[in-house]
C-alpha atoms as a PDB file:
ATOM      1  CA  MET A   1      59.628 -39.550  11.189  1.00  0.00           C
ATOM      2  CA  ILE A   2      58.656 -35.910  11.579  1.00  0.00           C
ATOM      3  CA  ILE A   3      57.163 -34.749   8.241  1.00  0.00           C
ATOM      4  CA  ILE A   4      56.355 -30.598   8.885  1.00  0.00           C
ATOM      5  CA  HIS A   5      54.755 -28.590   5.850  1.00  0.00           C
ATOM      6  CA  ALA A   6      54.903 -24.954   6.381  1.00  0.00           C
ATOM      7  CA  VAL A   7      53.037 -22.802   3.559  1.00  0.00           C
ATOM      8  CA  PHE A   8      53.729 -19.164   3.225  1.00  0.00           C
ATOM      9  CA  ASN A   9      51.898 -17.041   1.441  1.00  0.00           C
ATOM     10  CA  ILE A  10      54.464 -14.285   0.245  1.00  0.00           C
ATOM     11  CA  ASN A  11      53.871 -10.828  -0.157  1.00  0.00           C
ATOM     12  CA  PRO A  12      54.529 -10.458  -4.259  1.00  0.00           C
ATOM     13  CA  ALA A  13      56.628  -7.177  -3.210  1.00  0.00           C
ATOM     14  CA  LYS A  14      58.619  -8.972  -0.705  1.00  0.00           C
ATOM     15  CA  GLN A  15      59.917 -12.061  -2.981  1.00  0.00           C
ATOM     16  CA  ASP A  16      62.851 -11.468  -3.472  1.00  0.00           C
ATOM     17  CA  ALA A  17      63.949 -10.562   0.091  1.00  0.00           C
ATOM     18  CA  PHE A  18      61.871 -13.762   1.292  1.00  0.00           C
ATOM     19  CA  LEU A  19      63.949 -15.977  -0.446  1.00  0.00           C
ATOM     20  CA  GLU A  20      67.067 -14.170   0.126  1.00  0.00           C
ATOM     21  CA  GLU A  21      66.264 -14.092   3.753  1.00  0.00           C
ATOM     22  CA  ILE A  22      65.370 -18.345   3.734  1.00  0.00           C
ATOM     23  CA  GLN A  23      68.612 -19.448   2.319  1.00  0.00           C
ATOM     24  CA  PRO A  24      70.713 -19.242   5.555  1.00  0.00           C
ATOM     25  CA  LEU A  25      67.642 -20.794   7.767  1.00  0.00           C
ATOM     26  CA  ILE A  26      67.700 -24.106   4.733  1.00  0.00           C
ATOM     27  CA  VAL A  27      71.534 -23.984   4.789  1.00  0.00           C
ATOM     28  CA  ALA A  28      71.872 -24.091   8.840  1.00  0.00           C
ATOM     29  CA  SER A  29      68.905 -26.667   9.330  1.00  0.00           C
ATOM     30  CA  ARG A  30      69.925 -29.407   6.814  1.00  0.00           C
ATOM     31  CA  ALA A  31      73.074 -29.619   8.737  1.00  0.00           C
ATOM     32  CA  GLU A  32      71.522 -29.817  12.263  1.00  0.00           C
ATOM     33  CA  SER A  33      71.436 -33.612  13.687  1.00  0.00           C
ATOM     34  CA  GLY A  34      68.353 -35.196  13.191  1.00  0.00           C
ATOM     35  CA  ASN A  35      67.277 -33.702   9.528  1.00  0.00           C
ATOM     36  CA  VAL A  36      66.386 -35.546   6.444  1.00  0.00           C
ATOM     37  CA  SER A  37      65.741 -33.469   4.713  1.00  0.00           C
ATOM     38  CA  TYR A  38      64.368 -29.080   4.244  1.00  0.00           C
ATOM     39  CA  THR A  39      63.300 -28.155   1.054  1.00  0.00           C
ATOM     40  CA  LEU A  40      61.986 -25.220  -0.112  1.00  0.00           C
ATOM     41  CA  HIS A  41      58.793 -25.476  -3.191  1.00  0.00           C
ATOM     42  CA  LYS A  42      57.162 -23.273  -5.009  1.00  0.00           C
ATOM     43  CA  ALA A  43      53.902 -23.516  -5.742  1.00  0.00           C
ATOM     44  CA  THR A  44      53.103 -24.072  -9.507  1.00  0.00           C
ATOM     45  CA  GLU A  45      49.521 -22.763  -9.935  1.00  0.00           C
ATOM     46  CA  LYS A  46      49.757 -19.661  -6.919  1.00  0.00           C
ATOM     47  CA  ASP A  47      52.500 -17.184  -8.182  1.00  0.00           C
ATOM     48  CA  ASN A  48      53.494 -15.913  -4.781  1.00  0.00           C
ATOM     49  CA  GLU A  49      53.098 -19.380  -2.974  1.00  0.00           C
ATOM     50  CA  PHE A  50      55.717 -21.432  -1.259  1.00  0.00           C
ATOM     51  CA  THR A  51      55.803 -24.351   0.941  1.00  0.00           C
ATOM     52  CA  MET A  52      58.540 -25.535   3.211  1.00  0.00           C
ATOM     53  CA  VAL A  53      58.640 -29.685   3.436  1.00  0.00           C
ATOM     54  CA  GLU A  54      60.848 -30.412   6.133  1.00  0.00           C
ATOM     55  CA  VAL A  55      61.540 -34.356   7.187  1.00  0.00           C
ATOM     56  CA  TRP A  56      63.267 -34.804  11.070  1.00  0.00           C
ATOM     57  CA  GLN A  57      64.502 -37.948  12.605  1.00  0.00           C
ATOM     58  CA  ASP A  58      62.149 -37.612  15.795  1.00  0.00           C
ATOM     59  CA  HIS A  59      60.099 -35.130  18.106  1.00  0.00           C
ATOM     60  CA  LEU A  60      63.625 -34.139  19.575  1.00  0.00           C
ATOM     61  CA  ALA A  61      65.010 -32.970  16.326  1.00  0.00           C
ATOM     62  CA  VAL A  62      62.095 -31.033  15.396  1.00  0.00           C
ATOM     63  CA  ALA A  63      62.595 -29.551  19.204  1.00  0.00           C
ATOM     64  CA  SER A  64      65.793 -28.838  18.921  1.00  0.00           C
ATOM     65  CA  HIS A  65      65.582 -27.190  15.650  1.00  0.00           C
ATOM     66  CA  ASN A  66      62.768 -24.812  17.029  1.00  0.00           C
ATOM     67  CA  SER A  67      64.983 -23.340  19.410  1.00  0.00           C
ATOM     68  CA  SER A  68      67.559 -23.030  17.176  1.00  0.00           C
ATOM     69  CA  GLU A  69      68.893 -19.098  16.444  1.00  0.00           C
ATOM     70  CA  HIS A  70      68.582 -19.456  12.994  1.00  0.00           C
ATOM     71  CA  PHE A  71      65.129 -20.895  13.274  1.00  0.00           C
ATOM     72  CA  THR A  72      63.963 -18.172  15.826  1.00  0.00           C
ATOM     73  CA  SER A  73      65.823 -15.372  13.991  1.00  0.00           C
ATOM     74  CA  PHE A  74      64.158 -16.150  10.437  1.00  0.00           C
ATOM     75  CA  VAL A  75      60.115 -16.449  12.430  1.00  0.00           C
ATOM     76  CA  GLY A  76      60.959 -12.927  13.884  1.00  0.00           C
ATOM     77  CA  LYS A  77      61.234 -11.655  10.127  1.00  0.00           C
ATOM     78  CA  ALA A  78      58.816 -13.651   8.212  1.00  0.00           C
ATOM     79  CA  LYS A  79      55.926 -11.665   9.178  1.00  0.00           C
ATOM     80  CA  GLU A  80      56.728  -9.280   7.102  1.00  0.00           C
ATOM     81  CA  PHE A  81      56.904 -11.335   3.835  1.00  0.00           C
ATOM     82  CA  LEU A  82      53.495 -13.027   4.297  1.00  0.00           C
ATOM     83  CA  SER A  83      50.576 -11.840   2.761  1.00  0.00           C
ATOM     84  CA  SER A  84      48.550 -13.950   5.027  1.00  0.00           C
ATOM     85  CA  PRO A  85      49.279 -15.880   7.962  1.00  0.00           C
ATOM     86  CA  LEU A  86      51.686 -19.014   7.946  1.00  0.00           C
ATOM     87  CA  ASN A  87      49.911 -22.826   7.907  1.00  0.00           C
ATOM     88  CA  VAL A  88      51.778 -25.137   9.258  1.00  0.00           C
ATOM     89  CA  ASN A  89      50.778 -29.224   9.462  1.00  0.00           C
ATOM     90  CA  ALA A  90      53.172 -31.524  11.016  1.00  0.00           C
ATOM     91  CA  PHE A  91      52.654 -35.347  10.361  1.00  0.00           C
ATOM     92  CA  GLU A  92      53.988 -38.571  11.695  1.00  0.00           C
ATOM     93  CA  GLY A  93      54.890 -40.967   8.934  1.00  0.00           C
ATOM     94  CA  GLN A  94      57.648 -44.199   8.455  1.00  0.00           C
ATOM     95  CA  PRO A  95      59.554 -44.783   5.569  1.00  0.00           C
ATOM     96  CA  LEU A  96      58.053 -47.456   3.042  1.00  0.00           C
ATOM     97  CA  LYS A  97      59.433 -50.351   2.692  1.00  0.00           C
END
């Protein structure tokens, strides 16, 4: 499994627009083959920080997602919402038994 944490620091004046714009990405990403979960979390200690936690079956699923229309469309718009560069970390993991 591939686990991705994408941290968005959002301009406070653009938070509502960000939340509206990201919804189609969430819905479409959850419907993709190879997606295990795709969830946006709001930080409890930082008012304008959000983390997208993604879990994918494998590298091929991530590659397919990264080339999808809904992903590339959102990435093209994301910079207008950010107050600092996007921070993305990817991990490999296995389910605990």
